[in-house]
Amino acid sequence: MLQVGDVRLDTARRVEAGEAGAVGKLRHKSSPCARLYALLTITQDDRGTRALARAAAGPEGEDAEIGADIGALGDIVGFHIRLAHGAVYRHFTETFADLDLTQKQVSVLWLVDDHPGIAQIEVGRRLRMDRATTMTIVNRLQDRALMRRERFLSDGRKQALHLTADGITALDRAKQAIAAHESWLKSRFSDEEVEKLVEMLGRIHE
């Protein structure tokens, strides 16, 4: 077992799922919703990430010369991943500031839009959330009239989920924000570099 900060790697150098539900090896990795959930989960608030990012920035937020200022830390791959994580998180939250939606709520809206009538329990399974978390998210979306529940005719114990008109509108706005965020991120790389970066990052989280 190798641990860098609060990230644990197993013997195959895969990120292990932590107690807080950190992403480990993704199932349904070919699913757009699974890939979206990975993106949204990895950009969750992380005080450690923000502290590292601030430590590597000047008093006015200017970029630091990492190799000159932090010594041996500059040789630690995990440190650079955490700094990149912090930069991605900051831009993501700025992009989503006006949407009044959490990252996991967007994941649920997107999955239900792709699969109208999907069972609530199946949403939790595909997004790797426990029942309590799934229920809390669905309850909040329903309270905001973004989602509605219906009982399955074949099994009254199961609840089918559908987006309302307001839910579809909210998801459309979220997709636009995600597209803007992705455009910002990919603008730093060529198409070939993006493909290679995704492949290399996959070695860590898959």
C-alpha atoms as a PDB file:
ATOM      1  CA  MET A   1       0.000   0.000   0.000  1.00  0.00           C
ATOM      2  CA  LEU A   2       1.316   3.438  -0.967  1.00  0.00           C
ATOM      3  CA  GLN A   3      -0.183   6.648   0.379  1.00  0.00           C
ATOM      4  CA  VAL A   4       0.519  10.188  -0.805  1.00  0.00           C
ATOM      5  CA  GLY A   5      -1.403  12.696   1.313  1.00  0.00           C
ATOM      6  CA  ASP A   6      -4.926  11.302   1.611  1.00  0.00           C
ATOM      7  CA  VAL A   7      -4.704   9.275  -1.606  1.00  0.00           C
ATOM      8  CA  ARG A   8      -4.119   5.548  -1.211  1.00  0.00           C
ATOM      9  CA  LEU A   9      -2.884   3.310  -3.987  1.00  0.00           C
ATOM     10  CA  ASP A  10      -3.182  -0.454  -3.982  1.00  0.00           C
ATOM     11  CA  THR A  11      -0.433  -2.792  -5.167  1.00  0.00           C
ATOM     12  CA  ALA A  12      -1.514  -2.233  -8.780  1.00  0.00           C
ATOM     13  CA  ARG A  13      -1.138   1.535  -8.271  1.00  0.00           C
ATOM     14  CA  ARG A  14      -4.901   2.050  -8.471  1.00  0.00           C
ATOM     15  CA  VAL A  15      -6.617   4.632  -6.299  1.00  0.00           C
ATOM     16  CA  GLU A  16      -8.504   2.898  -3.539  1.00  0.00           C
ATOM     17  CA  ALA A  17     -12.004   4.044  -2.618  1.00  0.00           C
ATOM     18  CA  GLY A  18     -11.794   5.780   0.749  1.00  0.00           C
ATOM     19  CA  GLU A  19     -14.268   6.031   3.588  1.00  0.00           C
ATOM     20  CA  ALA A  20     -15.767   9.175   2.075  1.00  0.00           C
ATOM     21  CA  GLY A  21     -16.504   7.389  -1.178  1.00  0.00           C
ATOM     22  CA  ALA A  22     -13.496   8.500  -3.212  1.00  0.00           C
ATOM     23  CA  VAL A  23     -13.391   7.139  -6.691  1.00  0.00           C
ATOM     24  CA  GLY A  24     -11.551   3.855  -7.012  1.00  0.00           C
ATOM     25  CA  LYS A  25     -11.828   1.542 -10.000  1.00  0.00           C
ATOM     26  CA  LEU A  26     -14.822   2.712 -12.020  1.00  0.00           C
ATOM     27  CA  ARG A  27     -17.389   0.269 -13.232  1.00  0.00           C
ATOM     28  CA  HIS A  28     -19.312   0.925 -16.440  1.00  0.00           C
ATOM     29  CA  LYS A  29     -16.255   2.876 -17.594  1.00  0.00           C
ATOM     30  CA  SER A  30     -17.678   3.024 -21.128  1.00  0.00           C
ATOM     31  CA  SER A  31     -20.741   4.901 -19.873  1.00  0.00           C
ATOM     32  CA  PRO A  32     -20.747   8.693 -20.379  1.00  0.00           C
ATOM     33  CA  CYS A  33     -22.502   9.011 -17.029  1.00  0.00           C
ATOM     34  CA  ALA A  34     -19.763   7.044 -15.277  1.00  0.00           C
ATOM     35  CA  ARG A  35     -17.122   9.257 -16.860  1.00  0.00           C
ATOM     36  CA  LEU A  36     -19.098  12.363 -15.895  1.00  0.00           C
ATOM     37  CA  TYR A  37     -19.393  11.148 -12.304  1.00  0.00           C
ATOM     38  CA  ALA A  38     -15.632  10.595 -12.210  1.00  0.00           C
ATOM     39  CA  LEU A  39     -15.105  14.173 -13.341  1.00  0.00           C
ATOM     40  CA  LEU A  40     -17.563  15.600 -10.855  1.00  0.00           C
ATOM     41  CA  THR A  41     -16.258  13.533  -7.966  1.00  0.00           C
ATOM     42  CA  ILE A  42     -12.630  14.380  -8.566  1.00  0.00           C
ATOM     43  CA  THR A  43     -13.493  18.092  -8.476  1.00  0.00           C
ATOM     44  CA  GLN A  44     -15.132  17.964  -5.053  1.00  0.00           C
ATOM     45  CA  ASP A  45     -13.966  20.394  -2.365  1.00  0.00           C
ATOM     46  CA  ASP A  46     -10.598  19.410  -0.937  1.00  0.00           C
ATOM     47  CA  ARG A  47      -9.017  21.652   1.671  1.00  0.00           C
ATOM     48  CA  GLY A  48      -5.674  19.932   1.291  1.00  0.00           C
ATOM     49  CA  THR A  49      -5.640  20.621  -2.431  1.00  0.00           C
ATOM     50  CA  ARG A  50      -6.435  24.276  -1.947  1.00  0.00           C
ATOM     51  CA  ALA A  51      -3.753  24.615   0.729  1.00  0.00           C
ATOM     52  CA  LEU A  52      -1.141  23.117  -1.584  1.00  0.00           C
ATOM     53  CA  ALA A  53      -2.229  25.395  -4.397  1.00  0.00           C
ATOM     54  CA  ARG A  54      -1.969  28.452  -2.148  1.00  0.00           C
ATOM     55  CA  ALA A  55       1.453  27.333  -0.956  1.00  0.00           C
ATOM     56  CA  ALA A  56       2.655  27.225  -4.551  1.00  0.00           C
ATOM     57  CA  ALA A  57       1.274  30.683  -5.342  1.00  0.00           C
ATOM     58  CA  GLY A  58       2.772  34.077  -4.635  1.00  0.00           C
ATOM     59  CA  PRO A  59       1.219  36.684  -2.315  1.00  0.00           C
ATOM     60  CA  GLU A  60      -0.823  38.079  -5.214  1.00  0.00           C
ATOM     61  CA  GLY A  61      -1.808  34.645  -6.509  1.00  0.00           C
ATOM     62  CA  GLU A  62       0.994  34.602  -9.063  1.00  0.00           C
ATOM     63  CA  ASP A  63       2.321  31.280 -10.238  1.00  0.00           C
ATOM     64  CA  ALA A  64       5.368  30.089  -8.336  1.00  0.00           C
ATOM     65  CA  GLU A  65       8.419  28.523  -9.862  1.00  0.00           C
ATOM     66  CA  ILE A  66       7.755  25.175  -8.253  1.00  0.00           C
ATOM     67  CA  GLY A  67      11.149  23.646  -8.909  1.00  0.00           C
ATOM     68  CA  ALA A  68      12.951  26.597  -7.305  1.00  0.00           C
ATOM     69  CA  ASP A  69      10.610  27.272  -4.398  1.00  0.00           C
ATOM     70  CA  ILE A  70       9.562  23.896  -2.998  1.00  0.00           C
ATOM     71  CA  GLY A  71      12.678  21.797  -3.375  1.00  0.00           C
ATOM     72  CA  ALA A  72      12.202  18.042  -3.397  1.00  0.00           C
ATOM     73  CA  LEU A  73       8.405  18.377  -3.435  1.00  0.00           C
ATOM     74  CA  GLY A  74       8.757  19.301  -7.092  1.00  0.00           C
ATOM     75  CA  ASP A  75       9.813  15.718  -7.818  1.00  0.00           C
ATOM     76  CA  ILE A  76       6.652  14.194  -6.299  1.00  0.00           C
ATOM     77  CA  VAL A  77       4.122  13.319  -8.994  1.00  0.00           C
ATOM     78  CA  GLY A  78       1.259  13.266  -6.513  1.00  0.00           C
ATOM     79  CA  PHE A  79       2.018  16.847  -5.516  1.00  0.00           C
ATOM     80  CA  HIS A  80       1.636  18.068  -9.095  1.00  0.00           C
ATOM     81  CA  ILE A  81      -1.576  16.063  -9.494  1.00  0.00           C
ATOM     82  CA  ARG A  82      -2.953  17.733  -6.374  1.00  0.00           C
ATOM     83  CA  LEU A  83      -2.027  21.195  -7.689  1.00  0.00           C
ATOM     84  CA  ALA A  84      -3.696  20.405 -11.011  1.00  0.00           C
ATOM     85  CA  HIS A  85      -6.720  19.092  -9.111  1.00  0.00           C
ATOM     86  CA  GLY A  86      -6.937  22.377  -7.224  1.00  0.00           C
ATOM     87  CA  ALA A  87      -6.799  24.442 -10.414  1.00  0.00           C
ATOM     88  CA  VAL A  88      -9.481  22.304 -12.069  1.00  0.00           C
ATOM     89  CA  TYR A  89     -11.666  22.483  -8.963  1.00  0.00           C
ATOM     90  CA  ARG A  90     -11.465  26.271  -8.742  1.00  0.00           C
ATOM     91  CA  HIS A  91     -12.453  26.760 -12.373  1.00  0.00           C
ATOM     92  CA  PHE A  92     -15.224  24.164 -12.086  1.00  0.00           C
ATOM     93  CA  THR A  93     -16.807  25.841  -9.053  1.00  0.00           C
ATOM     94  CA  GLU A  94     -16.534  29.280 -10.678  1.00  0.00           C
ATOM     95  CA  THR A  95     -18.246  27.945 -13.797  1.00  0.00           C
ATOM     96  CA  PHE A  96     -21.044  26.373 -11.721  1.00  0.00           C
ATOM     97  CA  ALA A  97     -21.450  29.283  -9.296  1.00  0.00           C
ATOM     98  CA  ASP A  98     -24.796  30.476 -10.701  1.00  0.00           C
ATOM     99  CA  LEU A  99     -26.407  27.072 -11.213  1.00  0.00           C
ATOM    100  CA  ASP A 100     -27.213  26.272  -7.564  1.00  0.00           C
ATOM    101  CA  LEU A 101     -26.519  22.590  -8.202  1.00  0.00           C
ATOM    102  CA  THR A 102     -23.995  20.298  -6.582  1.00  0.00           C
ATOM    103  CA  GLN A 103     -21.757  18.081  -8.640  1.00  0.00           C
ATOM    104  CA  LYS A 104     -23.553  14.903  -7.598  1.00  0.00           C
ATOM    105  CA  GLN A 105     -26.946  16.442  -8.320  1.00  0.00           C
ATOM    106  CA  VAL A 106     -25.817  17.137 -11.878  1.00  0.00           C
ATOM    107  CA  SER A 107     -24.667  13.520 -12.187  1.00  0.00           C
ATOM    108  CA  VAL A 108     -28.083  12.254 -11.100  1.00  0.00           C
ATOM    109  CA  LEU A 109     -29.943  14.631 -13.418  1.00  0.00           C
ATOM    110  CA  TRP A 110     -27.767  13.575 -16.337  1.00  0.00           C
ATOM    111  CA  LEU A 111     -28.189   9.853 -15.691  1.00  0.00           C
ATOM    112  CA  VAL A 112     -31.972  10.120 -15.320  1.00  0.00           C
ATOM    113  CA  ASP A 113     -32.176  12.190 -18.503  1.00  0.00           C
ATOM    114  CA  ASP A 114     -30.246   9.480 -20.360  1.00  0.00           C
ATOM    115  CA  HIS A 115     -32.446   6.742 -18.845  1.00  0.00           C
ATOM    116  CA  PRO A 116     -35.984   8.063 -18.156  1.00  0.00           C
ATOM    117  CA  GLY A 117     -37.782   5.871 -15.645  1.00  0.00           C
ATOM    118  CA  ILE A 118     -34.586   4.414 -14.214  1.00  0.00           C
ATOM    119  CA  ALA A 119     -35.009   2.973 -10.724  1.00  0.00           C
ATOM    120  CA  GLN A 120     -33.673   5.080  -7.869  1.00  0.00           C
ATOM    121  CA  ILE A 121     -31.681   2.129  -6.561  1.00  0.00           C
ATOM    122  CA  GLU A 122     -30.101   1.689 -10.002  1.00  0.00           C
ATOM    123  CA  VAL A 123     -29.015   5.338 -10.036  1.00  0.00           C
ATOM    124  CA  GLY A 124     -27.142   4.759  -6.797  1.00  0.00           C
ATOM    125  CA  ARG A 125     -25.562   1.574  -8.115  1.00  0.00           C
ATOM    126  CA  ARG A 126     -24.332   3.119 -11.359  1.00  0.00           C
ATOM    127  CA  LEU A 127     -22.972   6.234  -9.671  1.00  0.00           C
ATOM    128  CA  ARG A 128     -21.531   4.208  -6.788  1.00  0.00           C
ATOM    129  CA  MET A 129     -23.485   6.014  -4.077  1.00  0.00           C
ATOM    130  CA  ASP A 130     -25.096   4.398  -1.058  1.00  0.00           C
ATOM    131  CA  ARG A 131     -28.871   4.384  -0.641  1.00  0.00           C
ATOM    132  CA  ALA A 132     -28.939   7.190   1.921  1.00  0.00           C
ATOM    133  CA  THR A 133     -26.895   9.516  -0.288  1.00  0.00           C
ATOM    134  CA  THR A 134     -28.982   8.702  -3.350  1.00  0.00           C
ATOM    135  CA  MET A 135     -32.232   9.293  -1.480  1.00  0.00           C
ATOM    136  CA  THR A 136     -31.005  12.628  -0.103  1.00  0.00           C
ATOM    137  CA  ILE A 137     -30.021  13.864  -3.562  1.00  0.00           C
ATOM    138  CA  VAL A 138     -33.276  12.724  -5.180  1.00  0.00           C
ATOM    139  CA  ASN A 139     -35.304  14.275  -2.343  1.00  0.00           C
ATOM    140  CA  ARG A 140     -33.604  17.633  -2.850  1.00  0.00           C
ATOM    141  CA  LEU A 141     -34.101  17.538  -6.601  1.00  0.00           C
ATOM    142  CA  GLN A 142     -37.752  16.614  -6.113  1.00  0.00           C
ATOM    143  CA  ASP A 143     -38.228  19.410  -3.555  1.00  0.00           C
ATOM    144  CA  ARG A 144     -36.945  21.845  -6.183  1.00  0.00           C
ATOM    145  CA  ALA A 145     -39.369  20.389  -8.756  1.00  0.00           C
ATOM    146  CA  LEU A 146     -36.491  19.218 -10.948  1.00  0.00           C
ATOM    147  CA  MET A 147     -37.374  15.533 -10.665  1.00  0.00           C
ATOM    148  CA  ARG A 148     -40.411  13.377  -9.941  1.00  0.00           C
ATOM    149  CA  ARG A 149     -40.839   9.852  -8.651  1.00  0.00           C
ATOM    150  CA  GLU A 150     -43.284   7.235  -9.875  1.00  0.00           C
ATOM    151  CA  ARG A 151     -43.952   3.745  -8.569  1.00  0.00           C
ATOM    152  CA  PHE A 152     -43.141   0.836 -10.843  1.00  0.00           C
ATOM    153  CA  LEU A 153     -46.360  -0.928 -11.845  1.00  0.00           C
ATOM    154  CA  SER A 154     -44.589  -4.275 -11.663  1.00  0.00           C
ATOM    155  CA  ASP A 155     -43.002  -3.601  -8.264  1.00  0.00           C
ATOM    156  CA  GLY A 156     -44.471  -0.979  -5.964  1.00  0.00           C
ATOM    157  CA  ARG A 157     -41.336  -1.010  -3.831  1.00  0.00           C
ATOM    158  CA  LYS A 158     -39.262   0.526  -6.628  1.00  0.00           C
ATOM    159  CA  GLN A 159     -39.348   4.171  -7.631  1.00  0.00           C
ATOM    160  CA  ALA A 160     -38.877   5.289 -11.229  1.00  0.00           C
ATOM    161  CA  LEU A 161     -37.268   8.682 -11.752  1.00  0.00           C
ATOM    162  CA  HIS A 162     -38.111  11.269 -14.409  1.00  0.00           C
ATOM    163  CA  LEU A 163     -36.974  14.850 -14.997  1.00  0.00           C
ATOM    164  CA  THR A 164     -39.527  17.630 -14.980  1.00  0.00           C
ATOM    165  CA  ALA A 165     -39.458  20.450 -17.532  1.00  0.00           C
ATOM    166  CA  ASP A 166     -37.530  22.556 -15.014  1.00  0.00           C
ATOM    167  CA  GLY A 167     -35.140  19.662 -14.470  1.00  0.00           C
ATOM    168  CA  ILE A 168     -34.413  19.421 -18.189  1.00  0.00           C
ATOM    169  CA  THR A 169     -33.747  23.170 -18.301  1.00  0.00           C
ATOM    170  CA  ALA A 170     -31.423  22.966 -15.291  1.00  0.00           C
ATOM    171  CA  LEU A 171     -29.522  20.063 -16.846  1.00  0.00           C
ATOM    172  CA  ASP A 172     -29.151  21.918 -20.141  1.00  0.00           C
ATOM    173  CA  ARG A 173     -27.555  24.828 -18.272  1.00  0.00           C
ATOM    174  CA  ALA A 174     -25.288  22.421 -16.403  1.00  0.00           C
ATOM    175  CA  LYS A 175     -24.182  20.803 -19.658  1.00  0.00           C
ATOM    176  CA  GLN A 176     -23.290  24.214 -21.052  1.00  0.00           C
ATOM    177  CA  ALA A 177     -21.220  24.929 -17.938  1.00  0.00           C
ATOM    178  CA  ILE A 178     -19.459  21.567 -18.226  1.00  0.00           C
ATOM    179  CA  ALA A 179     -18.730  22.236 -21.904  1.00  0.00           C
ATOM    180  CA  ALA A 180     -17.211  25.610 -21.004  1.00  0.00           C
ATOM    181  CA  HIS A 181     -15.125  23.988 -18.272  1.00  0.00           C
ATOM    182  CA  GLU A 182     -13.925  21.247 -20.616  1.00  0.00           C
ATOM    183  CA  SER A 183     -13.050  23.821 -23.275  1.00  0.00           C
ATOM    184  CA  TRP A 184     -10.954  25.761 -20.754  1.00  0.00           C
ATOM    185  CA  LEU A 185      -9.155  22.610 -19.647  1.00  0.00           C
ATOM    186  CA  LYS A 186      -8.517  21.190 -23.110  1.00  0.00           C
ATOM    187  CA  SER A 187      -7.286  24.531 -24.427  1.00  0.00           C
ATOM    188  CA  ARG A 188      -4.034  23.848 -22.587  1.00  0.00           C
ATOM    189  CA  PHE A 189      -3.269  20.789 -24.701  1.00  0.00           C
ATOM    190  CA  SER A 190      -3.253  19.617 -28.289  1.00  0.00           C
ATOM    191  CA  ASP A 191      -5.753  16.934 -29.311  1.00  0.00           C
ATOM    192  CA  GLU A 192      -2.988  14.330 -29.139  1.00  0.00           C
ATOM    193  CA  GLU A 193      -1.954  15.515 -25.679  1.00  0.00           C
ATOM    194  CA  VAL A 194      -5.549  15.341 -24.435  1.00  0.00           C
ATOM    195  CA  GLU A 195      -5.853  11.754 -25.635  1.00  0.00           C
ATOM    196  CA  LYS A 196      -2.544  10.825 -24.009  1.00  0.00           C
ATOM    197  CA  LEU A 197      -3.402  12.634 -20.770  1.00  0.00           C
ATOM    198  CA  VAL A 198      -6.702  10.774 -20.454  1.00  0.00           C
ATOM    199  CA  GLU A 199      -4.915   7.485 -21.110  1.00  0.00           C
ATOM    200  CA  MET A 200      -2.241   8.211 -18.490  1.00  0.00           C
ATOM    201  CA  LEU A 201      -4.727   9.362 -15.864  1.00  0.00           C
ATOM    202  CA  GLY A 202      -6.685   6.193 -16.539  1.00  0.00           C
ATOM    203  CA  ARG A 203      -3.710   4.184 -15.315  1.00  0.00           C
ATOM    204  CA  ILE A 204      -4.259   5.752 -11.901  1.00  0.00           C
ATOM    205  CA  HIS A 205      -8.028   5.559 -11.459  1.00  0.00           C
ATOM    206  CA  GLU A 206      -8.927   2.417 -13.436  1.00  0.00           C
END
